[in-house]
């Protein structure tokens, strides 16, 4: 998950930093607008960050301007210091220390508060001090026009003014951001503006210089979408190489970044330039760009001067000017690496950003120049959704994530896929993704046309390795890859290494952590197509080999993404029996892949090839998932089939218990008191006399009584079960307080059903919290502890579900800061890693509401704007939820939130402090263990 706020230790500090930078950007855009409006007026100079934020010098007076960016209203306390300083400036002018008169302006993005407005209208207010704000009717000076309410509006105004200037070769956006970069340099006192000043007579010349800088660049795209974690074009590195396949957006990135670059940037496309003419071609381009001052060009273009000599001269000149030139070299994979190296080393005073495709030439160039390549990361899911919405496509979060995985997020490939979805699938991106996954699409994509050449250039066996490895969408360790390929292609590890090296040189595979390997996402689509071409026998052998390797790997360590891939392989090879077995495991339903598995369990439930017991448990998995997500359709029919299988085939106590408890819960949800209690007694009478079965029954009975509104019974039974599960795990609530899952794992009593007990304790804690909430009672730490145990049992969806309920608890108690910290320290980081599609929109939209409650309306609205492209792809319930969240944010903006809960001074102020204050006092090794065993800590849990 692009477009999300970063995960930081101190969110409040992040908000302060953002506010500071918004203020600076607003100020710099205000100055930019003044510069644009000053051409042709009597303004002689504009000074940035001198005595004040901005000073406008005229022949007869100097205007001092203090720029204020405020989210609320402008108060006297905001400007008191500036008004006091104005008195000093006024005195300097009166004494003749500064020539001419003085005027003073406070330019504010927000209107004055009522008390400040009253002060402004009083007789005592200085006549030469004025406050300007959005909407004020009586404006005085064309060079200090009406301020705007926010950064975006200020930028839009600058673009509108820039569009009226006579520099048609420059887009208004380009001119504005280049000027804003120059203002930043001036504010910092950097060359060439150590005096912080722009003089009127140099402004036309400055505009011309900016125009020349970008003439050779490809025009920036009007609807450019940033890639994830885009690198800066300008940094301190003298030589950089950005690699990516054709379609990765390298040139578009450079052109867009150059618009916002404060330094001088040149662009040179080396495609079709003979290697020997590379230096001469670049030298000619750069020399033509030199400003014609004092015969400088004559010195550069001496008769007989070689390209290398000209570059050396220009390079030295760049160093002496204190404005190093950055040269963007495009298509650098085309010329011989030796010629590129000669060019770069001759012009050591320049900075080079090279753009090229992965391959032997790029690899050799990195070795010659001793640099590491960089890559663009592709679009985020939000950008894919925005692109789809722009073209009228429907796409939910899961679909956007699927298209990312199939295209690598490369902009050209995503755009082409969206075009095909519109023309061939009625705007349904989901239908296209399903066809791509199944290799059933009828129109060849740009991705296939371009990247097929990469595969075609590989040796046959290497291409087969690519095809087989394309089955995996996760990085695999070196030994895992070797075992997989050995089984699938009968290729030994010693020979495999050479093929992997060739694949790495061409960028076909990516390396993670030095040991793990994965085929590039953009290549996997073509790789899977090649696997189909290898024949059904080879493809089946590859899938079985991957399944076997993953099965063995999972025995040594649980890994979420690896388990998801394993389950997908089970589905692809049709191993229904194993899928049915997994469907009995509650954790199986927590992994966000039910849509992949559901068709197989439906087929299994009616398959004559499976025995009645297997068909029963397939139905059990279907019903369990329906109840988990609140789906009523088909649930009653499935339960009837389960009862029929039990009766006709005499299935055992476990099956009877499973169907009885599910039917009991369904009746309770429907409000059928008599039916639910009747089944409760029937199941109890049949119950197998084991503690585990009794605990499961008691939980389901308590949940049913909760649904029926019998809260006392439900609360009492849930509390008793919580105590039992804590005892089974060797824990107490006091031990759990202040400890996170990694600290709790070593303290657990080991047993064969440990994971089940962890999950069941979490379920019971959640039930207890719900029962307490229904009675308007506080549930204490129940939900916090439930999240910990869900996490320890790998019940990932439940972590998010309970986390959202916990946020609601905090909001209900007006603790918005605490709610925000739950998102930023737990839910959002986990969502970014796990990418559970069904929770992306609900969690992010709920986060936006919490931001609004915290007073950060701008961020809340920005988050909802990023989510709006997903709306058309949501079901009616999801669309209504998004609309409600948007409406709530609007109401908070209009009326303000209830006041933040203020805790007593001796209470913790944040979730983090609360967690720290809960940490159990360190236990001495010879003290009794806090688990209650009576044994010394060093001989119990102090190992």
Foldseek 3Di string as FASTA:
>chain_A
DFPDDAFDPDVVVVVVVVVVVQQVLLLLLLVLLLLLQCAPHQFFKWFAQDLERIWTDGPAEIEHEHEEADPEADECVNCVVVVVVVVVVQVCDVVVVDGHHYAYEYAYLHHHDPVVVVVCPDPPHDPRYYYAYPPDDDDDDSSNDGRHNGSVVSLVVQQVSQVPDPPVLDRSLLLSLLSSLVLVCLNVCHPPNVVRMDGNVCSVVVSVLSSLLQNQADAADPPDDAFGPDDQLDDDAQEAEEADFPLQCPSNVVSVNSSNDNAREAEDECPPPALVCPLVVVLVVVLVSDDCDPNPSCVLCDPPDDSLRSLLVVLVVCVVSSGAYEYEYEAQLPYALVSVLSNCVSNSSHGYYYYHYFAQRVVVNCVVVVHDHHYGQAHDLLVLLVLLVVVPAADASVLSVLVCLQASNRNQQSNQLSVCCVVPVVRYSNVSSVCLVVVNDDDDTPLCVRCVVVLVPAPPVLLLLLLLLLLDSDWDFLVLSQQLCCQLPVDHSVVVVVSVVNCVRNVQWDDDPNGTIHGRSSCSSVSPVVQVVVDPVSVLSSLVSLLVSLVVVVVVDPDLSSVVSNVLSCLVNLVLQVLLVLLLPPLSLLQLCCVSCLVSLVCLLPDPVDDLVSNLSSLLSVLVNCVVVVNDPPNVVSLVSLVVSCVVVVDDLVSVLSSLLSVLQVCLLVLNVVVNVVSLVVNVVSFDPDPVSVLVSLQSNLNSVVSNVVLVSNLVSLVVSLVVLCVQQLHDVLQVQLDALVVCVLRGDDDPCVLVSLLSSLSSLVSNCVSCVVVVHHSPCSLVSSLRSCVNSNSNNVNLVSLVVVLVVCVVVLALQQSLCSCSNPVVVVCVVSVSSVCPLVSQLVNLLSCLLVVNLVVSVVSLVSCVSNLSNDDPVSNVVSVVSVVSSVVCVVPNHPHHDDDPPVDDSYPVVSSVVSDDDDFDQQDQDPSPPRHGCVVRSVD
